[in-house]
PDB file of N, CA and C in Angstrom:
ATOM      1  N   UNK A   1       6.654  -0.327 -14.617  1.00  0.00           N
ATOM      2  CA  UNK A   1       5.604  -1.301 -14.838  1.00  0.00           C
ATOM      3  C   UNK A   1       5.282  -1.317 -16.329  1.00  0.00           C
ATOM      4  N   UNK A   2       5.221  -2.486 -16.887  1.00  0.00           N
ATOM      5  CA  UNK A   2       4.962  -2.615 -18.317  1.00  0.00           C
ATOM      6  C   UNK A   2       3.484  -2.775 -18.591  1.00  0.00           C
ATOM      7  N   UNK A   3       3.144  -2.650 -19.863  1.00  0.00           N
ATOM      8  CA  UNK A   3       1.754  -2.837 -20.284  1.00  0.00           C
ATOM      9  C   UNK A   3       1.255  -4.223 -19.896  1.00  0.00           C
ATOM     10  N   UNK A   4       2.133  -5.237 -19.980  1.00  0.00           N
ATOM     11  CA  UNK A   4       1.735  -6.595 -19.611  1.00  0.00           C
ATOM     12  C   UNK A   4       1.363  -6.680 -18.140  1.00  0.00           C
ATOM     13  N   UNK A   5       2.056  -5.932 -17.293  1.00  0.00           N
ATOM     14  CA  UNK A   5       1.731  -5.933 -15.869  1.00  0.00           C
ATOM     15  C   UNK A   5       0.340  -5.368 -15.636  1.00  0.00           C
ATOM     16  N   UNK A   6      -0.010  -4.312 -16.351  1.00  0.00           N
ATOM     17  CA  UNK A   6      -1.332  -3.710 -16.220  1.00  0.00           C
ATOM     18  C   UNK A   6      -2.395  -4.692 -16.680  1.00  0.00           C
ATOM     19  N   UNK A   7      -2.095  -5.500 -17.672  1.00  0.00           N
ATOM     20  CA  UNK A   7      -3.058  -6.488 -18.145  1.00  0.00           C
ATOM     21  C   UNK A   7      -3.323  -7.551 -17.095  1.00  0.00           C
ATOM     22  N   UNK A   8      -2.452  -7.671 -16.109  1.00  0.00           N
ATOM     23  CA  UNK A   8      -2.684  -8.612 -15.012  1.00  0.00           C
ATOM     24  C   UNK A   8      -3.649  -8.063 -13.971  1.00  0.00           C
ATOM     25  N   UNK A   9      -3.979  -6.782 -14.060  1.00  0.00           N
ATOM     26  CA  UNK A   9      -4.970  -6.200 -13.166  1.00  0.00           C
ATOM     27  C   UNK A   9      -6.351  -6.734 -13.549  1.00  0.00           C
ATOM     28  N   UNK A  10      -7.251  -6.721 -12.601  1.00  0.00           N
ATOM     29  CA  UNK A  10      -8.631  -7.116 -12.891  1.00  0.00           C
ATOM     30  C   UNK A  10      -9.251  -6.090 -13.832  1.00  0.00           C
ATOM     31  N   UNK A  11     -10.354  -6.461 -14.447  1.00  0.00           N
ATOM     32  CA  UNK A  11     -11.033  -5.514 -15.337  1.00  0.00           C
ATOM     33  C   UNK A  11     -11.481  -4.276 -14.566  1.00  0.00           C
ATOM     34  N   UNK A  12     -11.892  -4.470 -13.333  1.00  0.00           N
ATOM     35  CA  UNK A  12     -12.312  -3.323 -12.517  1.00  0.00           C
ATOM     36  C   UNK A  12     -11.135  -2.392 -12.238  1.00  0.00           C
ATOM     37  N   UNK A  13      -9.974  -2.968 -11.958  1.00  0.00           N
ATOM     38  CA  UNK A  13      -8.788  -2.138 -11.732  1.00  0.00           C
ATOM     39  C   UNK A  13      -8.392  -1.396 -13.007  1.00  0.00           C
ATOM     40  N   UNK A  14      -8.474  -2.072 -14.144  1.00  0.00           N
ATOM     41  CA  UNK A  14      -8.147  -1.418 -15.406  1.00  0.00           C
ATOM     42  C   UNK A  14      -9.114  -0.277 -15.698  1.00  0.00           C
ATOM     43  N   UNK A  15     -10.408  -0.494 -15.446  1.00  0.00           N
ATOM     44  CA  UNK A  15     -11.393   0.568 -15.666  1.00  0.00           C
ATOM     45  C   UNK A  15     -11.119   1.755 -14.759  1.00  0.00           C
ATOM     46  N   UNK A  16     -10.780   1.483 -13.512  1.00  0.00           N
ATOM     47  CA  UNK A  16     -10.474   2.563 -12.573  1.00  0.00           C
ATOM     48  C   UNK A  16      -9.239   3.335 -13.014  1.00  0.00           C
ATOM     49  N   UNK A  17      -8.225   2.620 -13.453  1.00  0.00           N
ATOM     50  CA  UNK A  17      -6.987   3.253 -13.914  1.00  0.00           C
ATOM     51  C   UNK A  17      -7.261   4.162 -15.104  1.00  0.00           C
ATOM     52  N   UNK A  18      -8.020   3.669 -16.064  1.00  0.00           N
ATOM     53  CA  UNK A  18      -8.355   4.468 -17.251  1.00  0.00           C
ATOM     54  C   UNK A  18      -9.172   5.698 -16.851  1.00  0.00           C
ATOM     55  N   UNK A  19     -10.119   5.516 -15.956  1.00  0.00           N
ATOM     56  CA  UNK A  19     -10.935   6.651 -15.509  1.00  0.00           C
ATOM     57  C   UNK A  19     -10.072   7.717 -14.830  1.00  0.00           C
ATOM     58  N   UNK A  20      -9.168   7.285 -13.970  1.00  0.00           N
ATOM     59  CA  UNK A  20      -8.286   8.243 -13.288  1.00  0.00           C
ATOM     60  C   UNK A  20      -7.395   8.973 -14.281  1.00  0.00           C
ATOM     61  N   UNK A  21      -6.887   8.249 -15.264  1.00  0.00           N
ATOM     62  CA  UNK A  21      -6.027   8.873 -16.276  1.00  0.00           C
ATOM     63  C   UNK A  21      -6.816   9.830 -17.168  1.00  0.00           C
ATOM     64  N   UNK A  22      -8.113   9.621 -17.246  1.00  0.00           N
ATOM     65  CA  UNK A  22      -8.976  10.479 -18.058  1.00  0.00           C
ATOM     66  C   UNK A  22      -9.429  11.713 -17.292  1.00  0.00           C
ATOM     67  N   UNK A  23      -9.006  11.819 -16.045  1.00  0.00           N
ATOM     68  CA  UNK A  23      -9.315  13.010 -15.263  1.00  0.00           C
ATOM     69  C   UNK A  23     -10.457  12.849 -14.284  1.00  0.00           C
ATOM     70  N   UNK A  24     -10.970  11.640 -14.140  1.00  0.00           N
ATOM     71  CA  UNK A  24     -12.060  11.416 -13.189  1.00  0.00           C
ATOM     72  C   UNK A  24     -11.550  11.548 -11.756  1.00  0.00           C
ATOM     73  N   UNK A  25     -12.436  11.971 -10.881  1.00  0.00           N
ATOM     74  CA  UNK A  25     -12.102  11.987  -9.460  1.00  0.00           C
ATOM     75  C   UNK A  25     -12.068  10.545  -8.956  1.00  0.00           C
ATOM     76  N   UNK A  26     -11.574  10.361  -7.759  1.00  0.00           N
ATOM     77  CA  UNK A  26     -11.562   9.013  -7.194  1.00  0.00           C
ATOM     78  C   UNK A  26     -12.981   8.467  -7.069  1.00  0.00           C
ATOM     79  N   UNK A  27     -13.908   9.294  -6.656  1.00  0.00           N
ATOM     80  CA  UNK A  27     -15.300   8.852  -6.512  1.00  0.00           C
ATOM     81  C   UNK A  27     -15.881   8.456  -7.867  1.00  0.00           C
ATOM     82  N   UNK A  28     -15.596   9.253  -8.884  1.00  0.00           N
ATOM     83  CA  UNK A  28     -16.091   8.935 -10.232  1.00  0.00           C
ATOM     84  C   UNK A  28     -15.450   7.653 -10.762  1.00  0.00           C
ATOM     85  N   UNK A  29     -14.157   7.500 -10.548  1.00  0.00           N
ATOM     86  CA  UNK A  29     -13.456   6.298 -11.014  1.00  0.00           C
ATOM     87  C   UNK A  29     -13.991   5.051 -10.314  1.00  0.00           C
ATOM     88  N   UNK A  30     -14.295   5.171  -9.042  1.00  0.00           N
ATOM     89  CA  UNK A  30     -14.864   4.041  -8.304  1.00  0.00           C
ATOM     90  C   UNK A  30     -16.214   3.643  -8.899  1.00  0.00           C
ATOM     91  N   UNK A  31     -17.027   4.629  -9.261  1.00  0.00           N
ATOM     92  CA  UNK A  31     -18.324   4.333  -9.885  1.00  0.00           C
ATOM     93  C   UNK A  31     -18.144   3.654 -11.232  1.00  0.00           C
ATOM     94  N   UNK A  32     -17.215   4.144 -12.029  1.00  0.00           N
ATOM     95  CA  UNK A  32     -16.947   3.547 -13.341  1.00  0.00           C
ATOM     96  C   UNK A  32     -16.534   2.085 -13.181  1.00  0.00           C
ATOM     97  N   UNK A  33     -15.694   1.822 -12.192  1.00  0.00           N
ATOM     98  CA  UNK A  33     -15.185   0.472 -11.969  1.00  0.00           C
ATOM     99  C   UNK A  33     -16.165  -0.404 -11.177  1.00  0.00           C
ATOM    100  N   UNK A  34     -17.213   0.233 -10.670  1.00  0.00           N
ATOM    101  CA  UNK A  34     -18.226  -0.476  -9.862  1.00  0.00           C
ATOM    102  C   UNK A  34     -17.616  -1.100  -8.608  1.00  0.00           C
ATOM    103  N   UNK A  35     -16.819  -0.261  -7.916  1.00  0.00           N
ATOM    104  CA  UNK A  35     -16.249  -0.652  -6.628  1.00  0.00           C
ATOM    105  C   UNK A  35     -16.492   0.489  -5.650  1.00  0.00           C
ATOM    106  N   UNK A  36     -16.304   0.212  -4.386  1.00  0.00           N
ATOM    107  CA  UNK A  36     -16.458   1.271  -3.390  1.00  0.00           C
ATOM    108  C   UNK A  36     -15.269   2.235  -3.478  1.00  0.00           C
ATOM    109  N   UNK A  37     -15.485   3.429  -3.003  1.00  0.00           N
ATOM    110  CA  UNK A  37     -14.402   4.412  -2.965  1.00  0.00           C
ATOM    111  C   UNK A  37     -13.256   3.878  -2.109  1.00  0.00           C
ATOM    112  N   UNK A  38     -13.578   3.211  -1.016  1.00  0.00           N
ATOM    113  CA  UNK A  38     -12.538   2.662  -0.138  1.00  0.00           C
ATOM    114  C   UNK A  38     -11.687   1.613  -0.866  1.00  0.00           C
ATOM    115  N   UNK A  39     -12.330   0.778  -1.686  1.00  0.00           N
ATOM    116  CA  UNK A  39     -11.583  -0.217  -2.458  1.00  0.00           C
ATOM    117  C   UNK A  39     -10.623   0.473  -3.410  1.00  0.00           C
ATOM    118  N   UNK A  40     -11.096   1.490  -4.101  1.00  0.00           N
ATOM    119  CA  UNK A  40     -10.229   2.228  -5.015  1.00  0.00           C
ATOM    120  C   UNK A  40      -9.063   2.850  -4.250  1.00  0.00           C
ATOM    121  N   UNK A  41      -9.343   3.403  -3.106  1.00  0.00           N
ATOM    122  CA  UNK A  41      -8.280   4.023  -2.313  1.00  0.00           C
ATOM    123  C   UNK A  41      -7.253   2.985  -1.852  1.00  0.00           C
ATOM    124  N   UNK A  42      -7.702   1.769  -1.558  1.00  0.00           N
ATOM    125  CA  UNK A  42      -6.757   0.699  -1.216  1.00  0.00           C
ATOM    126  C   UNK A  42      -5.876   0.360  -2.413  1.00  0.00           C
ATOM    127  N   UNK A  43      -6.498   0.301  -3.594  1.00  0.00           N
ATOM    128  CA  UNK A  43      -5.716   0.024  -4.806  1.00  0.00           C
ATOM    129  C   UNK A  43      -4.669   1.106  -5.014  1.00  0.00           C
ATOM    130  N   UNK A  44      -5.082   2.357  -4.882  1.00  0.00           N
ATOM    131  CA  UNK A  44      -4.162   3.476  -5.083  1.00  0.00           C
ATOM    132  C   UNK A  44      -3.014   3.417  -4.079  1.00  0.00           C
ATOM    133  N   UNK A  45      -3.294   2.940  -2.889  1.00  0.00           N
ATOM    134  CA  UNK A  45      -2.252   2.821  -1.858  1.00  0.00           C
ATOM    135  C   UNK A  45      -1.312   1.646  -2.121  1.00  0.00           C
ATOM    136  N   UNK A  46      -1.741   0.704  -2.965  1.00  0.00           N
ATOM    137  CA  UNK A  46      -0.887  -0.452  -3.237  1.00  0.00           C
ATOM    138  C   UNK A  46       0.234  -0.057  -4.194  1.00  0.00           C
ATOM    139  N   UNK A  47       1.370  -0.704  -4.031  1.00  0.00           N
ATOM    140  CA  UNK A  47       2.552  -0.362  -4.825  1.00  0.00           C
ATOM    141  C   UNK A  47       2.336  -0.581  -6.328  1.00  0.00           C
ATOM    142  N   UNK A  48       1.763  -1.720  -6.691  1.00  0.00           N
ATOM    143  CA  UNK A  48       1.592  -2.041  -8.120  1.00  0.00           C
ATOM    144  C   UNK A  48       0.654  -1.058  -8.819  1.00  0.00           C
ATOM    145  N   UNK A  49      -0.484  -0.794  -8.204  1.00  0.00           N
ATOM    146  CA  UNK A  49      -1.464   0.097  -8.827  1.00  0.00           C
ATOM    147  C   UNK A  49      -0.931   1.531  -8.896  1.00  0.00           C
ATOM    148  N   UNK A  50      -0.370   1.992  -7.803  1.00  0.00           N
ATOM    149  CA  UNK A  50       0.150   3.370  -7.798  1.00  0.00           C
ATOM    150  C   UNK A  50       1.300   3.529  -8.784  1.00  0.00           C
ATOM    151  N   UNK A  51       2.136   2.491  -8.920  1.00  0.00           N
ATOM    152  CA  UNK A  51       3.231   2.535  -9.895  1.00  0.00           C
ATOM    153  C   UNK A  51       2.680   2.593 -11.313  1.00  0.00           C
ATOM    154  N   UNK A  52       1.655   1.795 -11.590  1.00  0.00           N
ATOM    155  CA  UNK A  52       1.034   1.811 -12.918  1.00  0.00           C
ATOM    156  C   UNK A  52       0.418   3.176 -13.207  1.00  0.00           C
ATOM    157  N   UNK A  53      -0.230   3.750 -12.219  1.00  0.00           N
ATOM    158  CA  UNK A  53      -0.836   5.072 -12.384  1.00  0.00           C
ATOM    159  C   UNK A  53       0.241   6.127 -12.639  1.00  0.00           C
ATOM    160  N   UNK A  54       1.284   6.111 -11.834  1.00  0.00           N
ATOM    161  CA  UNK A  54       2.374   7.087 -12.002  1.00  0.00           C
ATOM    162  C   UNK A  54       3.090   6.918 -13.344  1.00  0.00           C
ATOM    163  N   UNK A  55       3.353   5.669 -13.726  1.00  0.00           N
ATOM    164  CA  UNK A  55       4.013   5.414 -15.011  1.00  0.00           C
ATOM    165  C   UNK A  55       3.149   5.897 -16.169  1.00  0.00           C
ATOM    166  N   UNK A  56       1.864   5.650 -16.076  1.00  0.00           N
ATOM    167  CA  UNK A  56       0.949   6.054 -17.147  1.00  0.00           C
ATOM    168  C   UNK A  56       0.853   7.567 -17.254  1.00  0.00           C
ATOM    169  N   UNK A  57       0.810   8.238 -16.113  1.00  0.00           N
ATOM    170  CA  UNK A  57       0.784   9.705 -16.121  1.00  0.00           C
ATOM    171  C   UNK A  57       2.080  10.229 -16.736  1.00  0.00           C
ATOM    172  N   UNK A  58       3.204   9.642 -16.345  1.00  0.00           N
ATOM    173  CA  UNK A  58       4.492  10.056 -16.902  1.00  0.00           C
ATOM    174  C   UNK A  58       4.555   9.859 -18.401  1.00  0.00           C
ATOM    175  N   UNK A  59       4.028   8.745 -18.876  1.00  0.00           N
ATOM    176  CA  UNK A  59       4.005   8.482 -20.320  1.00  0.00           C
ATOM    177  C   UNK A  59       3.119   9.483 -21.050  1.00  0.00           C
ATOM    178  N   UNK A  60       1.990   9.811 -20.454  1.00  0.00           N
ATOM    179  CA  UNK A  60       1.071  10.770 -21.078  1.00  0.00           C
ATOM    180  C   UNK A  60       1.708  12.155 -21.151  1.00  0.00           C
ATOM    181  N   UNK A  61       2.406  12.545 -20.103  1.00  0.00           N
ATOM    182  CA  UNK A  61       3.086  13.850 -20.097  1.00  0.00           C
ATOM    183  C   UNK A  61       4.193  13.870 -21.141  1.00  0.00           C
ATOM    184  N   UNK A  62       4.967  12.799 -21.208  1.00  0.00           N
ATOM    185  CA  UNK A  62       6.054  12.730 -22.194  1.00  0.00           C
ATOM    186  C   UNK A  62       5.500  12.810 -23.616  1.00  0.00           C
ATOM    187  N   UNK A  63       4.405  12.142 -23.865  1.00  0.00           N
ATOM    188  CA  UNK A  63       3.785  12.186 -25.186  1.00  0.00           C
ATOM    189  C   UNK A  63       3.294  13.594 -25.507  1.00  0.00           C
ATOM    190  N   UNK A  64       2.673  14.240 -24.532  1.00  0.00           N
ATOM    191  CA  UNK A  64       2.183  15.608 -24.747  1.00  0.00           C
ATOM    192  C   UNK A  64       3.335  16.566 -25.040  1.00  0.00           C
ATOM    193  N   UNK A  65       4.426  16.430 -24.313  1.00  0.00           N
ATOM    194  CA  UNK A  65       5.601  17.286 -24.529  1.00  0.00           C
ATOM    195  C   UNK A  65       6.173  17.048 -25.926  1.00  0.00           C
ATOM    196  N   UNK A  66       6.258  15.797 -26.332  1.00  0.00           N
ATOM    197  CA  UNK A  66       6.781  15.472 -27.668  1.00  0.00           C
ATOM    198  C   UNK A  66       5.896  16.067 -28.740  1.00  0.00           C
ATOM    199  N   UNK A  67       4.602  15.994 -28.555  1.00  0.00           N
ATOM    200  CA  UNK A  67       3.681  16.551 -29.563  1.00  0.00           C
ATOM    201  C   UNK A  67       3.789  18.072 -29.621  1.00  0.00           C
ATOM    202  N   UNK A  68       3.924  18.694 -28.482  1.00  0.00           N
ATOM    203  CA  UNK A  68       4.088  20.147 -28.452  1.00  0.00           C
ATOM    204  C   UNK A  68       5.402  20.550 -29.118  1.00  0.00           C
ATOM    205  N   UNK A  69       6.455  19.797 -28.843  1.00  0.00           N
ATOM    206  CA  UNK A  69       7.753  20.089 -29.464  1.00  0.00           C
ATOM    207  C   UNK A  69       7.669  19.945 -30.967  1.00  0.00           C
ATOM    208  N   UNK A  70       6.937  18.938 -31.459  1.00  0.00           N
ATOM    209  CA  UNK A  70       6.796  18.742 -32.885  1.00  0.00           C
ATOM    210  C   UNK A  70       6.024  19.896 -33.532  1.00  0.00           C
ATOM    211  N   UNK A  71       5.098  20.471 -32.815  1.00  0.00           N
ATOM    212  CA  UNK A  71       4.328  21.609 -33.339  1.00  0.00           C
ATOM    213  C   UNK A  71       5.190  22.859 -33.490  1.00  0.00           C
ATOM    214  N   UNK A  72       6.200  22.981 -32.622  1.00  0.00           N
ATOM    215  CA  UNK A  72       7.021  24.190 -32.654  1.00  0.00           C
ATOM    216  C   UNK A  72       8.131  24.111 -33.700  1.00  0.00           C
ATOM    217  N   UNK A  73       8.324  22.954 -34.316  1.00  0.00           N
ATOM    218  CA  UNK A  73       9.365  22.795 -35.351  1.00  0.00           C
ATOM    219  C   UNK A  73       8.928  23.351 -36.686  1.00  0.00           C
TER     220      UNK A  73
END
């Protein structure tokens, strides 16, 4: 999923995604996005949202690994 695909999400979905990536619990992310916990859980169960979440986590891990590798050089 590309950055452009994420931009097609609603603002509430984007806020929830950012909150989850920042380490918020599902309940906290739902509050940030101003949606019910059940709505957030439906989004997480959807293919597009879960793919965006997984891709973003993977990108964050890859960036962290690269930064750590650069520190050890």
